[in-house]
Amino acid sequence: MEKNKKKKGSILFIISGPSGVGKSTLCDYLLSELPALKFSVSTTTRPIRGEEVDGVNYIFKDKEEFKNLVDQNEFLEWAIVHNNYYGTQKQMVNDFIDEGFDVVLEVDVQGGLAIQENDPRAVLIFVAPPKFSDLEQRLVGRGTDTDSVIKTRLNNAHGEMQSIKLYDYLIVNDSLEESKDLIRSIFTAERNKASRTLSDYIIR
């Protein structure tokens, strides 16, 4: 494969939204379609689900290991979500940017807003269900969580939905195909903003 050409002004695309809304599906689609985009795998203390693979879906750590990374200032952001720790390790993001890639991160609302506050490269995209009641159906349908975990996720989702107005874009994931088209359009538009491309354009 041809080596990615290093470009100026790499973008951090932050995708957030309630559990079960389809964030991972949209991330997988983007990564399959956009070769200049890399996914930053989050670190978590939550248990592995189903066929998840350490280092691919998440980097799995116990709480002591995670706290040691916090003490060493290794995270771009981190938070406690659904009684588990989640974080984005700086090194992975910086390595991708040094290689000239844009980076997509699937993080919770707390993490997304923390990154936005500290990094001007961040573009925030919120993925929401068409109706809040759809979340419970999706969480129950995927069969990976207990009733108590589902209840916790739904309670947290109420708070997350209040932060939509702080995000740059909103995708209501009613039709998956329409959501794919929309999120790809957002990525294309951000990459072609004049403020990002003007330095590479020579006026003749």
N, C-alpha and C. Protein backbone atom coordinates (compact mmCIF):
# COMPACT_ATOMS: atom_id res chain seq x y z
N MET A 1 0.85 -1.20 0.00
CA MET A 1 0.00 0.00 0.00
C MET A 1 0.88 1.24 0.00
N GLU A 2 0.48 2.23 -0.77
CA GLU A 2 1.24 3.48 -0.83
C GLU A 2 1.22 4.16 0.53
N LYS A 3 2.36 4.61 0.97
CA LYS A 3 2.46 5.27 2.27
C LYS A 3 1.64 6.56 2.27
N ASN A 4 0.92 6.79 3.35
CA ASN A 4 0.10 7.98 3.47
C ASN A 4 0.94 9.24 3.40
N LYS A 5 0.54 10.18 2.55
CA LYS A 5 1.27 11.44 2.43
C LYS A 5 0.98 12.29 3.66
N LYS A 6 2.01 12.79 4.26
CA LYS A 6 1.83 13.61 5.46
C LYS A 6 1.17 14.93 5.09
N LYS A 7 0.12 15.28 5.80
CA LYS A 7 -0.59 16.51 5.52
C LYS A 7 -0.63 17.38 6.76
N LYS A 8 -0.84 18.65 6.54
CA LYS A 8 -0.90 19.58 7.65
C LYS A 8 -2.29 19.54 8.29
N GLY A 9 -2.34 19.86 9.58
CA GLY A 9 -3.60 20.05 10.25
C GLY A 9 -4.43 18.81 10.43
N SER A 10 -3.85 17.76 10.98
CA SER A 10 -4.63 16.55 11.25
C SER A 10 -5.82 16.88 12.16
N ILE A 11 -6.91 16.15 11.98
CA ILE A 11 -8.14 16.39 12.71
C ILE A 11 -8.41 15.23 13.66
N LEU A 12 -8.92 15.55 14.85
CA LEU A 12 -9.38 14.54 15.79
C LEU A 12 -10.91 14.52 15.71
N PHE A 13 -11.46 13.50 15.10
CA PHE A 13 -12.91 13.35 15.02
C PHE A 13 -13.39 12.58 16.23
N ILE A 14 -14.24 13.21 17.03
CA ILE A 14 -14.75 12.62 18.26
C ILE A 14 -16.19 12.17 18.03
N ILE A 15 -16.46 10.89 18.21
CA ILE A 15 -17.81 10.37 18.05
C ILE A 15 -18.33 9.92 19.41
N SER A 16 -19.44 10.51 19.83
CA SER A 16 -20.03 10.20 21.13
C SER A 16 -21.52 9.91 20.97
N GLY A 17 -22.11 9.37 22.03
CA GLY A 17 -23.54 9.08 22.03
C GLY A 17 -23.82 7.96 23.00
N PRO A 18 -25.08 7.74 23.32
CA PRO A 18 -25.44 6.71 24.29
C PRO A 18 -25.04 5.31 23.83
N SER A 19 -24.88 4.39 24.77
CA SER A 19 -24.59 3.00 24.45
C SER A 19 -25.70 2.41 23.59
N GLY A 20 -25.32 1.66 22.57
CA GLY A 20 -26.30 0.99 21.73
C GLY A 20 -26.84 1.81 20.59
N VAL A 21 -26.30 3.03 20.38
CA VAL A 21 -26.85 3.90 19.36
C VAL A 21 -26.25 3.66 17.98
N GLY A 22 -25.15 2.90 17.90
CA GLY A 22 -24.56 2.59 16.60
C GLY A 22 -23.24 3.28 16.32
N LYS A 23 -22.56 3.78 17.33
CA LYS A 23 -21.30 4.50 17.12
C LYS A 23 -20.23 3.59 16.49
N SER A 24 -20.09 2.39 17.03
CA SER A 24 -19.05 1.48 16.53
C SER A 24 -19.29 1.10 15.08
N THR A 25 -20.54 0.91 14.72
CA THR A 25 -20.86 0.57 13.32
C THR A 25 -20.45 1.69 12.38
N LEU A 26 -20.70 2.94 12.78
CA LEU A 26 -20.33 4.07 11.94
C LEU A 26 -18.81 4.24 11.88
N CYS A 27 -18.13 4.00 12.99
CA CYS A 27 -16.66 4.07 12.98
C CYS A 27 -16.08 3.02 12.04
N ASP A 28 -16.60 1.79 12.13
CA ASP A 28 -16.11 0.72 11.26
C ASP A 28 -16.31 1.08 9.79
N TYR A 29 -17.44 1.68 9.48
CA TYR A 29 -17.72 2.09 8.10
C TYR A 29 -16.70 3.12 7.63
N LEU A 30 -16.45 4.13 8.44
CA LEU A 30 -15.50 5.18 8.05
C LEU A 30 -14.11 4.62 7.82
N LEU A 31 -13.69 3.74 8.70
CA LEU A 31 -12.34 3.17 8.58
C LEU A 31 -12.20 2.31 7.33
N SER A 32 -13.29 1.70 6.91
CA SER A 32 -13.25 0.89 5.69
C SER A 32 -13.26 1.75 4.43
N GLU A 33 -13.73 2.98 4.54
CA GLU A 33 -13.89 3.84 3.38
C GLU A 33 -12.79 4.90 3.24
N LEU A 34 -12.17 5.28 4.36
CA LEU A 34 -11.22 6.40 4.35
C LEU A 34 -9.83 5.93 4.77
N PRO A 35 -8.93 5.68 3.82
CA PRO A 35 -7.60 5.16 4.15
C PRO A 35 -6.73 6.14 4.93
N ALA A 36 -7.05 7.43 4.89
CA ALA A 36 -6.25 8.42 5.62
C ALA A 36 -6.75 8.64 7.03
N LEU A 37 -7.59 7.73 7.52
CA LEU A 37 -8.18 7.84 8.85
C LEU A 37 -7.77 6.65 9.70
N LYS A 38 -7.39 6.91 10.96
CA LYS A 38 -7.02 5.85 11.88
C LYS A 38 -7.90 5.91 13.13
N PHE A 39 -8.13 4.77 13.73
CA PHE A 39 -8.95 4.67 14.94
C PHE A 39 -8.06 4.55 16.16
N SER A 40 -8.29 5.43 17.14
CA SER A 40 -7.55 5.35 18.39
C SER A 40 -8.31 4.44 19.35
N VAL A 41 -7.73 3.29 19.66
CA VAL A 41 -8.38 2.31 20.52
C VAL A 41 -8.36 2.81 21.97
N SER A 42 -9.52 2.88 22.59
CA SER A 42 -9.62 3.34 23.97
C SER A 42 -9.13 2.27 24.95
N THR A 43 -8.71 2.73 26.11
CA THR A 43 -8.30 1.85 27.21
C THR A 43 -9.43 1.81 28.22
N THR A 44 -9.74 0.62 28.74
CA THR A 44 -10.85 0.50 29.68
C THR A 44 -10.58 -0.59 30.72
N THR A 45 -11.29 -0.47 31.83
CA THR A 45 -11.23 -1.50 32.88
C THR A 45 -12.45 -2.42 32.83
N ARG A 46 -13.36 -2.19 31.89
CA ARG A 46 -14.54 -3.04 31.84
C ARG A 46 -14.19 -4.42 31.29
N PRO A 47 -14.99 -5.45 31.63
CA PRO A 47 -14.70 -6.80 31.15
C PRO A 47 -14.84 -6.92 29.63
N ILE A 48 -14.13 -7.85 29.04
CA ILE A 48 -14.26 -8.15 27.63
C ILE A 48 -15.65 -8.74 27.37
N ARG A 49 -16.28 -8.28 26.28
CA ARG A 49 -17.59 -8.81 25.91
C ARG A 49 -17.46 -9.72 24.69
N GLY A 50 -18.16 -10.84 24.72
CA GLY A 50 -18.29 -11.69 23.54
C GLY A 50 -16.97 -12.01 22.87
N GLU A 51 -16.84 -11.63 21.59
CA GLU A 51 -15.65 -11.94 20.80
C GLU A 51 -14.68 -10.76 20.71
N GLU A 52 -14.77 -9.81 21.61
CA GLU A 52 -13.85 -8.68 21.59
C GLU A 52 -12.41 -9.15 21.77
N VAL A 53 -11.50 -8.40 21.16
CA VAL A 53 -10.08 -8.74 21.20
C VAL A 53 -9.30 -7.60 21.84
N ASP A 54 -8.46 -7.94 22.81
CA ASP A 54 -7.62 -6.93 23.47
C ASP A 54 -6.70 -6.28 22.45
N GLY A 55 -6.68 -4.93 22.44
CA GLY A 55 -5.84 -4.20 21.50
C GLY A 55 -6.53 -3.88 20.20
N VAL A 56 -7.67 -4.50 19.94
CA VAL A 56 -8.43 -4.25 18.71
C VAL A 56 -9.69 -3.47 19.03
N ASN A 57 -10.53 -4.02 19.90
CA ASN A 57 -11.76 -3.32 20.31
C ASN A 57 -11.47 -2.30 21.41
N TYR A 58 -10.72 -2.72 22.40
CA TYR A 58 -10.25 -1.88 23.49
C TYR A 58 -8.89 -2.41 23.94
N ILE A 59 -8.18 -1.57 24.68
CA ILE A 59 -7.02 -2.03 25.44
C ILE A 59 -7.52 -2.27 26.86
N PHE A 60 -7.55 -3.51 27.28
CA PHE A 60 -8.15 -3.86 28.57
C PHE A 60 -7.09 -3.85 29.68
N LYS A 61 -7.39 -3.12 30.75
CA LYS A 61 -6.50 -3.01 31.91
C LYS A 61 -7.32 -3.24 33.18
N ASP A 62 -6.63 -3.65 34.25
CA ASP A 62 -7.33 -3.66 35.53
C ASP A 62 -7.23 -2.25 36.12
N LYS A 63 -7.94 -2.01 37.21
CA LYS A 63 -8.01 -0.65 37.75
C LYS A 63 -6.66 -0.14 38.22
N GLU A 64 -5.84 -1.02 38.78
CA GLU A 64 -4.52 -0.59 39.25
C GLU A 64 -3.65 -0.15 38.07
N GLU A 65 -3.68 -0.92 37.00
CA GLU A 65 -2.91 -0.55 35.81
C GLU A 65 -3.40 0.77 35.22
N PHE A 66 -4.71 0.94 35.18
CA PHE A 66 -5.28 2.17 34.64
C PHE A 66 -4.86 3.38 35.48
N LYS A 67 -4.96 3.25 36.80
CA LYS A 67 -4.61 4.36 37.68
C LYS A 67 -3.13 4.72 37.57
N ASN A 68 -2.28 3.71 37.33
CA ASN A 68 -0.86 3.99 37.13
C ASN A 68 -0.65 4.83 35.87
N LEU A 69 -1.41 4.54 34.82
CA LEU A 69 -1.32 5.34 33.59
C LEU A 69 -1.80 6.77 33.83
N VAL A 70 -2.84 6.92 34.65
CA VAL A 70 -3.31 8.27 35.01
C VAL A 70 -2.21 9.04 35.75
N ASP A 71 -1.56 8.39 36.69
CA ASP A 71 -0.50 9.02 37.48
C ASP A 71 0.68 9.44 36.59
N GLN A 72 0.89 8.69 35.51
CA GLN A 72 1.98 8.99 34.60
C GLN A 72 1.58 9.99 33.50
N ASN A 73 0.34 10.53 33.60
CA ASN A 73 -0.17 11.52 32.64
C ASN A 73 -0.16 10.98 31.21
N GLU A 74 -0.57 9.73 31.07
CA GLU A 74 -0.54 9.07 29.77
C GLU A 74 -1.82 9.27 28.96
N PHE A 75 -2.85 9.89 29.55
CA PHE A 75 -4.13 10.00 28.86
C PHE A 75 -4.41 11.39 28.32
N LEU A 76 -4.95 11.42 27.11
CA LEU A 76 -5.47 12.66 26.55
C LEU A 76 -6.74 13.07 27.29
N GLU A 77 -7.52 12.08 27.66
CA GLU A 77 -8.72 12.26 28.49
C GLU A 77 -9.02 10.92 29.15
N TRP A 78 -9.70 10.99 30.29
CA TRP A 78 -10.18 9.76 30.92
C TRP A 78 -11.35 10.09 31.81
N ALA A 79 -12.18 9.09 32.05
CA ALA A 79 -13.37 9.31 32.87
C ALA A 79 -13.87 7.97 33.40
N ILE A 80 -14.73 8.04 34.41
CA ILE A 80 -15.42 6.86 34.93
C ILE A 80 -16.82 6.87 34.34
N VAL A 81 -17.12 5.82 33.59
CA VAL A 81 -18.41 5.71 32.90
C VAL A 81 -18.99 4.33 33.18
N HIS A 82 -20.26 4.27 33.60
CA HIS A 82 -20.91 2.99 33.92
C HIS A 82 -20.07 2.19 34.92
N ASN A 83 -19.46 2.88 35.87
CA ASN A 83 -18.66 2.26 36.94
C ASN A 83 -17.36 1.63 36.44
N ASN A 84 -16.94 1.96 35.24
CA ASN A 84 -15.66 1.50 34.71
C ASN A 84 -14.85 2.70 34.23
N TYR A 85 -13.54 2.53 34.17
CA TYR A 85 -12.64 3.58 33.69
C TYR A 85 -12.46 3.45 32.18
N TYR A 86 -12.48 4.62 31.50
CA TYR A 86 -12.20 4.68 30.07
C TYR A 86 -11.23 5.82 29.82
N GLY A 87 -10.34 5.66 28.86
CA GLY A 87 -9.42 6.73 28.55
C GLY A 87 -8.80 6.59 27.18
N THR A 88 -8.25 7.70 26.68
CA THR A 88 -7.56 7.74 25.39
C THR A 88 -6.09 8.00 25.63
N GLN A 89 -5.25 7.05 25.30
CA GLN A 89 -3.82 7.22 25.53
C GLN A 89 -3.20 8.18 24.50
N LYS A 90 -2.43 9.13 25.00
CA LYS A 90 -1.84 10.16 24.14
C LYS A 90 -0.94 9.58 23.06
N GLN A 91 -0.15 8.57 23.42
CA GLN A 91 0.88 8.09 22.51
C GLN A 91 0.30 7.57 21.20
N MET A 92 -0.80 6.83 21.29
CA MET A 92 -1.40 6.28 20.07
C MET A 92 -1.88 7.39 19.15
N VAL A 93 -2.56 8.39 19.72
CA VAL A 93 -3.05 9.51 18.91
C VAL A 93 -1.89 10.28 18.29
N ASN A 94 -0.87 10.57 19.08
CA ASN A 94 0.26 11.34 18.58
C ASN A 94 1.03 10.60 17.49
N ASP A 95 1.14 9.29 17.63
CA ASP A 95 1.84 8.50 16.61
C ASP A 95 1.12 8.58 15.27
N PHE A 96 -0.20 8.47 15.29
CA PHE A 96 -0.97 8.57 14.04
C PHE A 96 -0.82 9.95 13.42
N ILE A 97 -0.89 10.99 14.24
CA ILE A 97 -0.78 12.35 13.73
C ILE A 97 0.61 12.60 13.14
N ASP A 98 1.64 12.08 13.81
CA ASP A 98 3.00 12.23 13.30
C ASP A 98 3.17 11.57 11.92
N GLU A 99 2.37 10.53 11.67
CA GLU A 99 2.41 9.84 10.39
C GLU A 99 1.52 10.50 9.34
N GLY A 100 0.80 11.57 9.73
CA GLY A 100 0.00 12.32 8.78
C GLY A 100 -1.44 11.91 8.66
N PHE A 101 -1.95 11.10 9.59
CA PHE A 101 -3.32 10.64 9.52
C PHE A 101 -4.26 11.54 10.32
N ASP A 102 -5.55 11.57 9.91
CA ASP A 102 -6.60 12.04 10.80
C ASP A 102 -6.93 10.89 11.74
N VAL A 103 -7.54 11.22 12.90
CA VAL A 103 -7.82 10.20 13.91
C VAL A 103 -9.28 10.29 14.33
N VAL A 104 -9.93 9.12 14.44
CA VAL A 104 -11.29 9.08 14.97
C VAL A 104 -11.27 8.40 16.32
N LEU A 105 -11.96 9.00 17.28
CA LEU A 105 -12.04 8.47 18.64
C LEU A 105 -13.50 8.28 19.01
N GLU A 106 -13.82 7.12 19.53
CA GLU A 106 -15.17 6.86 20.04
C GLU A 106 -15.10 6.98 21.56
N VAL A 107 -15.57 8.12 22.07
CA VAL A 107 -15.44 8.38 23.50
C VAL A 107 -16.77 8.88 24.05
N ASP A 108 -16.91 8.81 25.37
CA ASP A 108 -18.12 9.31 26.03
C ASP A 108 -18.15 10.84 25.99
N VAL A 109 -19.27 11.38 26.38
CA VAL A 109 -19.46 12.83 26.33
C VAL A 109 -18.45 13.57 27.19
N GLN A 110 -18.18 13.06 28.40
CA GLN A 110 -17.19 13.72 29.26
C GLN A 110 -15.84 13.83 28.56
N GLY A 111 -15.43 12.73 27.95
CA GLY A 111 -14.14 12.71 27.27
C GLY A 111 -14.12 13.61 26.05
N GLY A 112 -15.21 13.59 25.29
CA GLY A 112 -15.27 14.42 24.10
C GLY A 112 -15.17 15.90 24.41
N LEU A 113 -15.89 16.34 25.43
CA LEU A 113 -15.85 17.76 25.81
C LEU A 113 -14.50 18.14 26.40
N ALA A 114 -13.86 17.21 27.11
CA ALA A 114 -12.52 17.48 27.66
C ALA A 114 -11.51 17.67 26.54
N ILE A 115 -11.59 16.85 25.51
CA ILE A 115 -10.67 16.98 24.38
C ILE A 115 -10.93 18.29 23.64
N GLN A 116 -12.21 18.62 23.43
CA GLN A 116 -12.55 19.85 22.73
C GLN A 116 -12.00 21.08 23.46
N GLU A 117 -12.05 21.05 24.77
CA GLU A 117 -11.58 22.19 25.56
C GLU A 117 -10.08 22.40 25.43
N ASN A 118 -9.34 21.31 25.25
CA ASN A 118 -7.88 21.38 25.28
C ASN A 118 -7.21 21.24 23.91
N ASP A 119 -7.97 20.88 22.87
CA ASP A 119 -7.34 20.61 21.58
C ASP A 119 -8.17 21.20 20.45
N PRO A 120 -7.66 22.22 19.75
CA PRO A 120 -8.42 22.88 18.68
C PRO A 120 -8.64 21.99 17.47
N ARG A 121 -7.96 20.85 17.39
CA ARG A 121 -8.14 19.95 16.25
C ARG A 121 -9.41 19.12 16.36
N ALA A 122 -10.08 19.16 17.50
CA ALA A 122 -11.22 18.28 17.76
C ALA A 122 -12.48 18.74 17.03
N VAL A 123 -13.15 17.80 16.38
CA VAL A 123 -14.46 18.00 15.77
C VAL A 123 -15.40 16.99 16.42
N LEU A 124 -16.47 17.48 17.06
CA LEU A 124 -17.34 16.61 17.86
C LEU A 124 -18.62 16.24 17.11
N ILE A 125 -18.90 14.94 17.05
CA ILE A 125 -20.09 14.41 16.37
C ILE A 125 -20.89 13.58 17.37
N PHE A 126 -22.15 13.92 17.56
CA PHE A 126 -23.01 13.18 18.49
C PHE A 126 -23.96 12.31 17.69
N VAL A 127 -24.01 11.02 18.04
CA VAL A 127 -24.92 10.08 17.39
C VAL A 127 -26.06 9.79 18.37
N ALA A 128 -27.29 10.02 17.93
CA ALA A 128 -28.46 9.87 18.81
C ALA A 128 -29.48 8.93 18.18
N PRO A 129 -30.29 8.29 19.01
CA PRO A 129 -31.36 7.45 18.48
C PRO A 129 -32.53 8.33 18.03
N PRO A 130 -33.38 7.82 17.12
CA PRO A 130 -34.56 8.62 16.73
C PRO A 130 -35.50 8.87 17.89
N LYS A 131 -35.61 7.89 18.79
CA LYS A 131 -36.41 8.04 20.01
C LYS A 131 -35.63 7.43 21.16
N PHE A 132 -35.75 8.04 22.34
CA PHE A 132 -35.00 7.53 23.47
C PHE A 132 -35.39 6.09 23.81
N SER A 133 -36.66 5.76 23.58
CA SER A 133 -37.12 4.40 23.89
C SER A 133 -36.43 3.35 23.04
N ASP A 134 -35.88 3.76 21.88
CA ASP A 134 -35.18 2.81 21.02
C ASP A 134 -33.91 2.28 21.67
N LEU A 135 -33.32 3.07 22.58
CA LEU A 135 -32.07 2.64 23.21
C LEU A 135 -32.24 1.35 24.00
N GLU A 136 -33.31 1.28 24.77
CA GLU A 136 -33.53 0.09 25.58
C GLU A 136 -33.68 -1.14 24.69
N GLN A 137 -34.42 -1.00 23.61
CA GLN A 137 -34.60 -2.13 22.69
C GLN A 137 -33.27 -2.59 22.12
N ARG A 138 -32.41 -1.64 21.75
CA ARG A 138 -31.11 -1.99 21.17
C ARG A 138 -30.20 -2.64 22.21
N LEU A 139 -30.20 -2.11 23.42
CA LEU A 139 -29.33 -2.67 24.46
C LEU A 139 -29.78 -4.07 24.85
N VAL A 140 -31.07 -4.26 24.98
CA VAL A 140 -31.58 -5.59 25.30
C VAL A 140 -31.32 -6.55 24.14
N GLY A 141 -31.52 -6.07 22.92
CA GLY A 141 -31.37 -6.91 21.74
C GLY A 141 -29.97 -7.42 21.50
N ARG A 142 -28.94 -6.66 21.90
CA ARG A 142 -27.59 -7.15 21.64
C ARG A 142 -27.14 -8.21 22.64
N GLY A 143 -27.86 -8.35 23.76
CA GLY A 143 -27.65 -9.47 24.66
C GLY A 143 -26.30 -9.56 25.34
N THR A 144 -25.64 -8.43 25.56
CA THR A 144 -24.31 -8.46 26.17
C THR A 144 -24.29 -7.92 27.60
N ASP A 145 -25.39 -7.34 28.06
CA ASP A 145 -25.41 -6.70 29.38
C ASP A 145 -26.53 -7.26 30.25
N THR A 146 -26.31 -7.21 31.56
CA THR A 146 -27.35 -7.61 32.51
C THR A 146 -28.39 -6.50 32.61
N ASP A 147 -29.51 -6.82 33.24
CA ASP A 147 -30.58 -5.82 33.40
C ASP A 147 -30.09 -4.61 34.19
N SER A 148 -29.27 -4.84 35.22
CA SER A 148 -28.78 -3.72 36.03
C SER A 148 -27.84 -2.82 35.23
N VAL A 149 -27.01 -3.43 34.38
CA VAL A 149 -26.10 -2.64 33.54
C VAL A 149 -26.90 -1.83 32.53
N ILE A 150 -27.91 -2.45 31.94
CA ILE A 150 -28.75 -1.73 30.98
C ILE A 150 -29.44 -0.54 31.66
N LYS A 151 -29.93 -0.75 32.87
CA LYS A 151 -30.57 0.35 33.60
C LYS A 151 -29.59 1.50 33.84
N THR A 152 -28.34 1.16 34.23
CA THR A 152 -27.32 2.19 34.44
C THR A 152 -27.03 2.94 33.16
N ARG A 153 -26.90 2.22 32.05
CA ARG A 153 -26.61 2.85 30.76
C ARG A 153 -27.74 3.80 30.33
N LEU A 154 -28.97 3.39 30.57
CA LEU A 154 -30.10 4.24 30.20
C LEU A 154 -30.16 5.50 31.07
N ASN A 155 -29.87 5.34 32.36
CA ASN A 155 -29.84 6.51 33.24
C ASN A 155 -28.76 7.50 32.81
N ASN A 156 -27.58 6.96 32.48
CA ASN A 156 -26.49 7.83 32.04
C ASN A 156 -26.81 8.49 30.70
N ALA A 157 -27.53 7.77 29.86
CA ALA A 157 -27.87 8.31 28.54
C ALA A 157 -28.70 9.58 28.63
N HIS A 158 -29.56 9.66 29.64
CA HIS A 158 -30.35 10.89 29.83
C HIS A 158 -29.44 12.11 29.97
N GLY A 159 -28.39 11.96 30.78
CA GLY A 159 -27.45 13.06 30.95
C GLY A 159 -26.66 13.36 29.70
N GLU A 160 -26.25 12.31 29.00
CA GLU A 160 -25.47 12.50 27.77
C GLU A 160 -26.25 13.27 26.72
N MET A 161 -27.54 12.98 26.63
CA MET A 161 -28.36 13.64 25.61
C MET A 161 -28.48 15.14 25.86
N GLN A 162 -28.28 15.56 27.10
CA GLN A 162 -28.35 16.99 27.41
C GLN A 162 -27.15 17.76 26.84
N SER A 163 -26.12 17.04 26.43
CA SER A 163 -24.90 17.69 25.93
C SER A 163 -24.87 17.83 24.42
N ILE A 164 -25.93 17.42 23.74
CA ILE A 164 -25.94 17.49 22.27
C ILE A 164 -25.61 18.89 21.78
N LYS A 165 -26.16 19.90 22.44
CA LYS A 165 -25.99 21.28 21.99
C LYS A 165 -24.54 21.74 22.05
N LEU A 166 -23.69 21.02 22.77
CA LEU A 166 -22.28 21.40 22.87
C LEU A 166 -21.43 20.77 21.77
N TYR A 167 -22.03 19.91 20.97
CA TYR A 167 -21.32 19.23 19.89
C TYR A 167 -21.44 20.00 18.58
N ASP A 168 -20.54 19.72 17.66
CA ASP A 168 -20.53 20.41 16.36
C ASP A 168 -21.58 19.85 15.40
N TYR A 169 -21.82 18.55 15.48
CA TYR A 169 -22.75 17.89 14.56
C TYR A 169 -23.62 16.90 15.31
N LEU A 170 -24.83 16.69 14.79
CA LEU A 170 -25.76 15.69 15.33
C LEU A 170 -26.20 14.78 14.20
N ILE A 171 -26.06 13.46 14.44
CA ILE A 171 -26.58 12.46 13.51
C ILE A 171 -27.65 11.66 14.25
N VAL A 172 -28.88 11.71 13.76
CA VAL A 172 -29.96 10.90 14.32
C VAL A 172 -29.96 9.59 13.55
N ASN A 173 -29.54 8.52 14.21
CA ASN A 173 -29.32 7.25 13.53
C ASN A 173 -30.62 6.45 13.39
N ASP A 174 -31.46 6.93 12.49
CA ASP A 174 -32.72 6.26 12.18
C ASP A 174 -32.51 5.24 11.06
N SER A 175 -31.89 5.70 9.98
CA SER A 175 -31.52 4.83 8.86
C SER A 175 -30.01 4.73 8.83
N LEU A 176 -29.47 3.51 8.93
CA LEU A 176 -28.02 3.32 8.97
C LEU A 176 -27.37 3.82 7.68
N GLU A 177 -27.97 3.55 6.54
CA GLU A 177 -27.37 3.98 5.27
C GLU A 177 -27.32 5.51 5.18
N GLU A 178 -28.38 6.17 5.63
CA GLU A 178 -28.38 7.64 5.62
C GLU A 178 -27.35 8.18 6.60
N SER A 179 -27.21 7.52 7.75
CA SER A 179 -26.22 7.96 8.74
C SER A 179 -24.81 7.80 8.21
N LYS A 180 -24.55 6.72 7.48
CA LYS A 180 -23.24 6.52 6.85
C LYS A 180 -22.94 7.65 5.87
N ASP A 181 -23.91 7.97 5.04
CA ASP A 181 -23.71 9.05 4.06
C ASP A 181 -23.44 10.38 4.77
N LEU A 182 -24.19 10.63 5.83
CA LEU A 182 -24.07 11.90 6.53
C LEU A 182 -22.72 12.02 7.23
N ILE A 183 -22.28 10.96 7.92
CA ILE A 183 -21.03 11.08 8.66
C ILE A 183 -19.85 11.18 7.70
N ARG A 184 -19.94 10.51 6.55
CA ARG A 184 -18.85 10.66 5.58
C ARG A 184 -18.84 12.08 5.01
N SER A 185 -20.00 12.67 4.80
CA SER A 185 -20.08 14.05 4.32
C SER A 185 -19.45 15.01 5.31
N ILE A 186 -19.67 14.77 6.60
CA ILE A 186 -19.07 15.62 7.63
C ILE A 186 -17.54 15.54 7.56
N PHE A 187 -17.01 14.34 7.43
CA PHE A 187 -15.57 14.17 7.36
C PHE A 187 -15.00 14.86 6.13
N THR A 188 -15.68 14.71 5.00
CA THR A 188 -15.20 15.33 3.77
C THR A 188 -15.22 16.85 3.88
N ALA A 189 -16.31 17.41 4.43
CA ALA A 189 -16.42 18.86 4.56
C ALA A 189 -15.36 19.42 5.49
N GLU A 190 -15.12 18.75 6.63
CA GLU A 190 -14.11 19.24 7.57
C GLU A 190 -12.71 19.18 6.96
N ARG A 191 -12.42 18.13 6.24
CA ARG A 191 -11.10 18.01 5.63
C ARG A 191 -10.85 19.07 4.56
N ASN A 192 -11.92 19.57 3.93
CA ASN A 192 -11.78 20.54 2.84
C ASN A 192 -12.11 21.97 3.24
N LYS A 193 -12.21 22.24 4.54
CA LYS A 193 -12.38 23.61 4.98
C LYS A 193 -11.21 24.47 4.51
N ALA A 194 -11.52 25.68 4.10
CA ALA A 194 -10.46 26.58 3.62
C ALA A 194 -9.39 26.80 4.68
N SER A 195 -9.80 26.88 5.95
CA SER A 195 -8.84 27.14 7.02
C SER A 195 -7.83 26.00 7.16
N ARG A 196 -8.19 24.79 6.69
CA ARG A 196 -7.27 23.66 6.78
C ARG A 196 -6.43 23.50 5.53
N THR A 197 -6.96 23.91 4.38
CA THR A 197 -6.30 23.61 3.10
C THR A 197 -5.59 24.80 2.47
N LEU A 198 -5.86 26.01 2.94
CA LEU A 198 -5.32 27.19 2.28
C LEU A 198 -3.81 27.21 2.27
N SER A 199 -3.18 26.70 3.34
CA SER A 199 -1.72 26.75 3.41
C SER A 199 -1.08 25.87 2.33
N ASP A 200 -1.81 24.90 1.79
CA ASP A 200 -1.28 24.01 0.76
C ASP A 200 -1.67 24.47 -0.65
N TYR A 201 -2.44 25.57 -0.72
CA TYR A 201 -2.95 26.02 -2.01
C TYR A 201 -2.17 27.27 -2.46
N ILE A 202 -1.65 27.19 -3.67
CA ILE A 202 -0.87 28.31 -4.21
C ILE A 202 -1.73 29.05 -5.22
N ILE A 203 -1.97 30.31 -4.94
CA ILE A 203 -2.77 31.13 -5.86
C ILE A 203 -1.87 31.62 -6.99
N ARG A 204 -2.29 31.29 -8.21
CA ARG A 204 -1.48 31.67 -9.39
C ARG A 204 -2.21 32.78 -10.16
